[in-house]
């Protein structure tokens, strides 16, 4: 019975992690809108955590060799556990930073996990983001057990705050940054 519960828990966790990755990509691609230059581009234009946008998985691995490469539903990511303080909020040793790559193996998104301890931690992080990046788009969106707060795209850069309540395990509080500019390629390479 214990083995069945362990297997079930691992399966549920895998589905939840895959869903978060797909949700993360969905919001950066499907909800991109234009906006004037602002603080998001200013902060993230050259790099994030000393890694340039459009870097390859191997380049990120060289910078952070103790991570794990994951392929979820055809989406490649590289995950490191990291407790650095971000936005003046102390993170826990078990928190992760996930580097997400497009189909050309280029970095186009980063998800940063924060400690989730109910409404207080969500409100604290939301307040920090509003302070540094201005007001979010409209009102937060609620998708079942997930709250999503988005900021307007800023010249190819977009940020999203996601809070997910889990049935089993700890809740997730994720701040995501995405580089939304399309990859330059030719029609022939794409098969058109």
Protein backbone atom coordinates (compact mmCIF):
# COMPACT_ATOMS: atom_id res chain seq x y z
CA UNK A 1 0.00 0.00 0.00
CA UNK A 2 2.84 2.37 0.89
CA UNK A 3 4.45 1.81 -2.55
CA UNK A 4 1.17 2.59 -4.26
CA UNK A 5 0.84 5.85 -2.29
CA UNK A 6 4.44 6.81 -3.09
CA UNK A 7 3.90 6.08 -6.79
CA UNK A 8 0.61 8.01 -6.78
CA UNK A 9 2.24 10.99 -5.05
CA UNK A 10 5.13 11.04 -7.56
CA UNK A 11 2.64 10.84 -10.44
CA UNK A 12 0.52 13.71 -9.04
CA UNK A 13 3.62 15.83 -8.42
CA UNK A 14 4.88 15.14 -11.98
CA UNK A 15 1.50 16.15 -13.45
CA UNK A 16 1.40 19.30 -11.30
CA UNK A 17 4.96 20.30 -12.31
CA UNK A 18 4.20 19.68 -15.99
CA UNK A 19 0.99 21.70 -15.71
CA UNK A 20 2.91 24.62 -14.17
CA UNK A 21 5.43 24.57 -17.01
CA UNK A 22 2.69 24.50 -19.63
CA UNK A 23 0.78 27.27 -17.80
CA UNK A 24 3.99 29.31 -17.58
CA UNK A 25 4.59 29.08 -21.34
CA UNK A 26 0.92 29.66 -22.17
CA UNK A 27 0.87 33.00 -20.39
CA UNK A 28 4.04 34.27 -22.03
CA UNK A 29 2.95 33.34 -25.53
CA UNK A 30 -0.84 33.74 -25.49
CA UNK A 31 -1.16 36.88 -23.39
CA UNK A 32 1.66 39.04 -24.74
CA UNK A 33 0.62 42.62 -25.45
CA UNK A 34 2.56 45.72 -26.43
CA UNK A 35 3.60 48.40 -23.97
CA UNK A 36 6.09 51.27 -23.84
CA UNK A 37 9.58 50.75 -22.45
CA UNK A 38 9.50 50.45 -18.72
CA UNK A 39 11.02 48.93 -15.62
CA UNK A 40 10.61 45.29 -16.70
CA UNK A 41 12.80 45.76 -19.77
CA UNK A 42 15.26 47.90 -17.80
CA UNK A 43 15.79 45.18 -15.19
CA UNK A 44 15.79 42.11 -17.45
CA UNK A 45 16.95 43.29 -20.90
CA UNK A 46 20.49 41.93 -20.81
CA UNK A 47 20.23 38.86 -18.59
CA UNK A 48 18.75 37.17 -15.54
CA UNK A 49 20.90 35.59 -12.80
CA UNK A 50 23.94 36.32 -15.00
CA UNK A 51 22.56 34.22 -17.86
CA UNK A 52 21.79 35.92 -21.18
CA UNK A 53 18.42 35.45 -22.83
CA UNK A 54 18.55 32.92 -25.69
CA UNK A 55 21.44 31.05 -24.00
CA UNK A 56 21.46 27.29 -24.59
CA UNK A 57 20.87 24.63 -21.94
CA UNK A 58 24.59 23.81 -22.00
CA UNK A 59 25.50 27.46 -21.33
CA UNK A 60 23.16 27.54 -18.32
CA UNK A 61 24.59 24.21 -17.10
CA UNK A 62 28.11 25.66 -17.20
CA UNK A 63 26.94 28.58 -15.05
CA UNK A 64 24.94 26.34 -12.65
CA UNK A 65 26.41 22.81 -12.87
CA UNK A 66 24.41 21.30 -9.99
CA UNK A 67 20.99 21.46 -11.65
CA UNK A 68 18.77 18.93 -13.35
CA UNK A 69 17.63 19.00 -16.96
CA UNK A 70 13.97 18.04 -17.36
CA UNK A 71 11.88 17.37 -20.45
CA UNK A 72 8.16 17.82 -19.70
CA UNK A 73 5.82 17.29 -22.63
CA UNK A 74 8.57 18.31 -25.07
CA UNK A 75 9.48 21.45 -23.10
CA UNK A 76 13.09 21.49 -21.90
CA UNK A 77 13.91 23.14 -18.60
CA UNK A 78 16.88 23.21 -16.27
CA UNK A 79 16.13 23.38 -12.55
CA UNK A 80 18.44 24.41 -9.73
CA UNK A 81 17.69 24.54 -6.01
CA UNK A 82 18.63 27.97 -4.81
CA UNK A 83 17.93 29.99 -1.66
CA UNK A 84 19.20 33.40 -2.74
CA UNK A 85 17.19 36.42 -1.62
CA UNK A 86 15.13 37.87 -4.49
CA UNK A 87 13.21 41.17 -4.28
CA UNK A 88 14.43 41.41 -0.68
CA UNK A 89 12.45 38.26 0.18
CA UNK A 90 14.38 35.42 1.79
CA UNK A 91 13.86 32.13 -0.01
CA UNK A 92 14.26 28.63 1.41
CA UNK A 93 17.04 26.12 0.55
CA UNK A 94 14.45 23.85 -1.11
CA UNK A 95 13.16 26.61 -3.43
CA UNK A 96 14.04 26.34 -7.09
CA UNK A 97 14.83 28.45 -10.11
CA UNK A 98 13.65 26.91 -13.39
CA UNK A 99 15.22 28.01 -16.68
CA UNK A 100 12.84 27.21 -19.58
CA UNK A 101 13.95 26.83 -23.22
CA UNK A 102 12.10 27.27 -26.51
CA UNK A 103 12.04 24.73 -29.33
CA UNK A 104 15.37 26.11 -30.61
CA UNK A 105 17.04 25.32 -27.24
CA UNK A 106 17.23 29.01 -26.27
CA UNK A 107 16.43 30.44 -22.84
CA UNK A 108 13.15 32.34 -22.97
CA UNK A 109 11.71 32.01 -19.47
CA UNK A 110 12.68 31.75 -15.82
CA UNK A 111 10.43 30.71 -12.94
CA UNK A 112 11.48 31.54 -9.39
CA UNK A 113 9.82 29.68 -6.52
CA UNK A 114 9.17 31.54 -3.28
CA UNK A 115 8.14 30.18 0.11
CA UNK A 116 4.34 29.91 0.15
CA UNK A 117 2.72 30.46 3.52
CA UNK A 118 -0.78 31.52 2.65
CA UNK A 119 -2.08 34.98 1.82
CA UNK A 120 0.74 36.82 3.60
CA UNK A 121 3.52 35.55 1.32
CA UNK A 122 1.43 36.13 -1.84
CA UNK A 123 0.56 39.68 -0.76
CA UNK A 124 4.16 40.45 0.20
CA UNK A 125 5.50 39.32 -3.19
CA UNK A 126 2.68 41.05 -5.11
CA UNK A 127 3.40 44.32 -3.26
CA UNK A 128 7.13 44.07 -4.09
CA UNK A 129 6.34 43.47 -7.78
CA UNK A 130 3.93 46.40 -7.96
CA UNK A 131 6.51 48.61 -6.22
CA UNK A 132 9.27 47.74 -8.70
CA UNK A 133 7.32 47.11 -11.92
CA UNK A 134 4.10 49.12 -11.62
CA UNK A 135 0.49 48.01 -11.78
CA UNK A 136 -0.50 44.65 -13.14
CA UNK A 137 -2.96 44.05 -16.01
CA UNK A 138 -6.60 44.27 -14.99
CA UNK A 139 -7.40 42.11 -12.01
CA UNK A 140 -5.85 38.77 -11.07
CA UNK A 141 -7.27 35.77 -12.93
CA UNK A 142 -8.45 32.74 -11.00
CA UNK A 143 -8.11 29.31 -12.66
CA UNK A 144 -9.55 26.75 -10.23
CA UNK A 145 -6.83 26.60 -7.55
CA UNK A 146 -4.40 28.94 -9.33
CA UNK A 147 -4.31 32.74 -9.16
CA UNK A 148 -2.43 34.47 -11.99
CA UNK A 149 -1.36 38.12 -11.92
CA UNK A 150 0.20 39.48 -15.13
CA UNK A 151 1.94 42.71 -16.04
CA UNK A 152 1.77 44.28 -19.50
CA UNK A 153 4.52 43.18 -21.87
CA UNK A 154 7.42 45.61 -21.86
CA UNK A 155 9.27 45.51 -25.22
CA UNK A 156 9.56 41.74 -25.33
CA UNK A 157 9.67 41.03 -21.58
CA UNK A 158 6.74 39.85 -19.48
CA UNK A 159 6.35 38.99 -15.81
CA UNK A 160 3.72 36.84 -14.12
CA UNK A 161 3.00 35.95 -10.49
CA UNK A 162 1.29 32.58 -9.96
CA UNK A 163 -0.05 31.14 -6.72
CA UNK A 164 -1.26 27.53 -6.76
CA UNK A 165 -3.05 25.80 -3.91
CA UNK A 166 -2.24 22.09 -3.87
CA UNK A 167 -4.42 19.35 -2.47
CA UNK A 168 -1.32 17.43 -1.35
CA UNK A 169 1.92 19.11 -0.34
CA UNK A 170 2.87 22.74 -0.03
CA UNK A 171 1.33 25.52 -2.10
CA UNK A 172 3.41 27.07 -4.89
CA UNK A 173 4.25 30.75 -5.25
CA UNK A 174 6.10 31.42 -8.52
CA UNK A 175 7.40 34.64 -10.06
CA UNK A 176 8.09 34.15 -13.77
CA UNK A 177 9.98 36.30 -16.25
CA UNK A 178 9.72 35.67 -19.96
CA UNK A 179 11.42 36.89 -23.10
CA UNK A 180 8.56 36.98 -25.61
CA UNK A 181 10.26 38.09 -28.82
CA UNK A 182 9.88 35.52 -31.62
CA UNK A 183 12.98 33.68 -32.77
CA UNK A 184 14.31 34.95 -36.09
CA UNK A 185 14.23 32.16 -38.66
CA UNK A 186 13.38 31.66 -42.31
CA UNK A 187 10.29 30.13 -43.87
CA UNK A 188 12.29 27.29 -45.41
CA UNK A 189 13.61 26.09 -42.06
CA UNK A 190 10.05 26.08 -40.72
CA UNK A 191 8.84 24.11 -43.72
CA UNK A 192 6.64 26.79 -45.28
